[in-house]
Protein backbone atom coordinates (compact mmCIF):
# COMPACT_ATOMS: atom_id res chain seq x y z
CA MET A 1 0.00 0.00 0.00
CA ILE A 2 2.82 2.43 0.91
CA VAL A 3 4.71 1.46 -2.28
CA GLN A 4 1.62 2.23 -4.40
CA ALA A 5 1.15 5.64 -2.74
CA ALA A 6 4.81 6.55 -3.33
CA SER A 7 4.58 5.38 -6.94
CA ALA A 8 1.40 7.42 -7.51
CA LYS A 9 3.01 10.49 -5.97
CA ARG A 10 6.10 10.10 -8.19
CA TYR A 11 3.88 9.67 -11.27
CA LEU A 12 1.85 12.79 -10.40
CA THR A 13 4.99 14.84 -9.80
CA THR A 14 6.45 13.76 -13.15
CA TRP A 15 3.20 14.63 -14.93
CA VAL A 16 2.99 18.11 -13.29
CA ILE A 17 6.62 18.94 -14.15
CA GLY A 18 6.15 17.73 -17.73
CA ALA A 19 2.98 19.80 -18.16
CA ALA A 20 4.69 22.88 -16.72
CA LEU A 21 7.61 22.53 -19.13
CA LEU A 22 5.26 22.01 -22.07
CA PHE A 23 3.15 25.09 -21.38
CA ALA A 24 5.99 27.34 -20.17
CA SER A 25 7.95 27.29 -23.42
CA GLY A 26 6.20 30.28 -25.03
CA ALA A 27 4.98 32.01 -21.89
CA GLN A 28 5.90 35.55 -20.96
CA ALA A 29 4.60 38.31 -18.71
CA LYS A 30 1.80 40.45 -20.11
CA ASP A 31 2.57 44.09 -20.81
CA LEU A 32 -0.79 45.89 -20.85
CA THR A 33 0.59 49.37 -21.58
CA ASN A 34 -1.92 51.53 -23.49
CA ARG A 35 -4.45 48.68 -23.73
CA LEU A 36 -8.11 49.26 -23.00
CA GLY A 37 -10.09 46.38 -21.57
CA VAL A 38 -13.84 45.85 -21.33
CA GLY A 39 -15.58 43.15 -19.30
CA TYR A 40 -17.41 42.52 -16.05
CA THR A 41 -16.93 42.32 -12.28
CA ASP A 42 -19.13 41.65 -9.24
CA GLN A 43 -17.17 43.15 -6.36
CA PHE A 44 -19.52 45.39 -4.42
CA SER A 45 -20.52 44.53 -0.84
CA VAL A 46 -23.97 43.71 -2.29
CA SER A 47 -24.19 41.27 -5.20
CA LEU A 48 -24.31 43.49 -8.28
CA PRO A 49 -22.79 42.28 -11.58
CA SER A 50 -21.18 45.28 -13.26
CA LEU A 51 -19.73 46.36 -16.58
CA ALA A 52 -16.07 47.25 -16.22
CA VAL A 53 -13.51 49.25 -18.19
CA GLN A 54 -9.79 48.91 -17.43
CA TYR A 55 -6.80 50.84 -18.78
CA TYR A 56 -3.03 50.72 -18.16
CA PRO A 57 -1.35 54.06 -19.05
CA ASN A 58 2.08 52.53 -18.30
CA PRO A 59 3.50 49.05 -17.54
CA GLN A 60 2.92 49.24 -13.78
CA ILE A 61 -0.18 51.40 -13.11
CA GLY A 62 -3.76 50.56 -14.07
CA LEU A 63 -7.13 52.23 -13.64
CA SER A 64 -10.60 50.75 -13.80
CA ALA A 65 -14.23 51.78 -13.40
CA ALA A 66 -17.23 49.52 -12.83
CA LEU A 67 -20.93 50.39 -13.16
CA GLY A 68 -23.72 48.11 -11.99
CA VAL A 69 -27.46 48.77 -12.28
CA ASP A 70 -30.44 46.58 -11.35
CA THR A 71 -33.90 48.19 -11.52
CA VAL A 72 -36.03 45.43 -9.99
CA GLU A 73 -39.14 46.97 -8.43
CA ASN A 74 -38.72 47.42 -4.64
CA ASP A 75 -35.26 45.78 -4.76
CA SER A 76 -33.17 48.00 -7.06
CA LYS A 77 -29.39 48.40 -6.77
CA PHE A 78 -26.82 50.81 -8.16
CA GLY A 79 -23.04 50.86 -7.83
CA PHE A 80 -20.13 52.80 -9.28
CA MET A 81 -16.52 52.03 -8.32
CA VAL A 82 -13.10 53.23 -9.46
CA LYS A 83 -9.88 51.33 -8.75
CA LEU A 84 -6.16 52.00 -8.95
CA TYR A 85 -3.79 49.05 -9.58
CA ARG A 86 -0.03 48.74 -9.14
CA ILE A 87 1.59 45.68 -10.70
CA VAL A 88 4.14 44.38 -8.20
CA PHE A 89 5.28 41.17 -9.89
CA MET A 90 5.06 39.81 -13.43
CA GLU A 91 4.95 36.04 -13.81
CA ASP A 92 4.55 33.92 -16.93
CA ASN A 93 1.02 34.63 -18.20
CA MET A 94 0.12 36.39 -14.95
CA ASN A 95 0.44 39.82 -13.39
CA PHE A 96 0.26 40.15 -9.58
CA TYR A 97 -0.95 43.52 -8.31
CA MET A 98 -2.12 45.47 -5.31
CA GLY A 99 -4.53 48.35 -5.27
CA THR A 100 -7.32 50.37 -3.78
CA GLY A 101 -10.89 51.13 -4.77
CA ALA A 102 -13.62 53.60 -3.86
CA GLY A 103 -17.25 53.51 -4.85
CA LEU A 104 -20.82 54.62 -4.32
CA ILE A 105 -23.64 52.16 -3.71
CA SER A 106 -27.42 52.30 -3.42
CA ASP A 107 -29.53 49.37 -2.27
CA GLU A 108 -33.34 49.40 -2.13
CA ASP A 109 -35.19 46.84 0.00
CA ASN A 110 -39.01 46.87 -0.04
CA GLY A 111 -39.14 50.55 -1.03
CA ASN A 112 -36.57 51.68 1.57
CA THR A 113 -33.42 52.96 -0.19
CA ASP A 114 -30.04 52.99 1.55
CA THR A 115 -27.08 54.81 -0.01
CA GLY A 116 -23.43 55.05 0.94
CA PHE A 117 -19.84 54.39 -0.06
CA GLU A 118 -17.25 51.61 -0.11
CA LEU A 119 -13.46 51.65 0.26
CA ASN A 120 -11.30 48.60 -0.53
CA GLY A 121 -7.65 47.62 -0.32
CA PHE A 122 -6.65 44.44 -2.15
CA VAL A 123 -4.04 42.19 -3.71
CA GLY A 124 -4.75 40.04 -6.71
CA GLY A 125 -3.68 38.54 -9.95
CA GLU A 126 -4.72 38.59 -13.57
CA PHE A 127 -4.18 35.34 -15.42
CA PHE A 128 -3.90 34.97 -19.21
CA LEU A 129 -4.44 31.56 -20.81
CA PRO A 130 -1.78 30.64 -23.40
CA GLY A 131 -3.22 31.39 -26.82
CA LEU A 132 -5.82 33.81 -25.41
CA ASP A 133 -3.50 36.74 -24.72
CA SER A 134 -6.26 39.35 -24.74
CA LEU A 135 -8.54 37.71 -22.13
CA GLY A 136 -7.65 38.38 -18.48
CA LEU A 137 -9.18 36.37 -15.63
CA SER A 138 -8.80 38.05 -12.23
CA PHE A 139 -8.84 36.98 -8.60
CA GLU A 140 -8.54 39.32 -5.62
CA ALA A 141 -8.49 39.29 -1.82
CA GLY A 142 -8.47 42.14 0.64
CA ILE A 143 -10.26 44.23 3.18
CA GLY A 144 -13.08 46.69 2.78
CA VAL A 145 -15.33 49.06 4.63
CA SER A 146 -18.78 50.18 3.54
CA SER A 147 -20.98 52.81 5.09
CA VAL A 148 -24.59 52.57 4.00
CA SER A 149 -27.20 54.74 5.77
CA SER A 150 -25.29 55.10 9.06
CA ALA A 151 -24.42 51.37 9.27
CA VAL A 152 -20.68 50.71 8.92
CA ARG A 153 -19.51 47.28 7.81
CA PHE A 154 -15.91 46.02 7.84
CA ARG A 155 -15.23 42.90 5.81
CA THR A 156 -12.59 40.70 4.32
CA PHE A 157 -13.14 39.31 0.85
CA GLY A 158 -11.73 36.81 -1.60
CA ASP A 159 -13.04 36.93 -5.15
CA HIS A 160 -12.59 34.18 -7.76
CA PRO A 161 -12.53 34.87 -11.54
CA LEU A 162 -16.32 34.63 -11.91
CA ARG A 163 -16.72 37.38 -9.30
CA ALA A 164 -13.50 39.40 -9.57
CA GLY A 165 -13.93 39.59 -13.32
CA MET A 166 -13.02 38.85 -16.87
CA ILE A 167 -11.60 41.58 -19.08
CA PHE A 168 -11.00 41.51 -22.83
CA TYR A 169 -8.15 43.84 -23.90
CA PHE A 170 -8.11 45.57 -27.27
């Protein structure tokens, strides 16, 4: 039994190293300078899928804006957020960054509308699949504070690519 486990572990390690060497041959860090990206995110303290625009004026600094609107009767939501990114490490097909965000939110519940703001600090990464160099998949984690109608909420968050966002760069 122990021999089989050791053999399986060796086989798995060999397979992972072989796959890494196969895919790493043409990989390089992504320079997003002067590229405009359009996509979506869902990163407000209330669930609100948003359209996002992202731009990198230079190789290390990025800016983004997200706008989310949901006009369901008696349960409408609105959010607008801007973010500033600083790329701290470039890896093969991935850029690691840190940043901050600020936004406005409005959340209606049974006709009672609450409005306020959000502030976030985060670290994250944007991953590019080999062969799809213009599609970025993001993940982020950080801390945030939101103040909505005199209620203050502190939170930690961790967002996967379906929540943190997908951006297509032109």
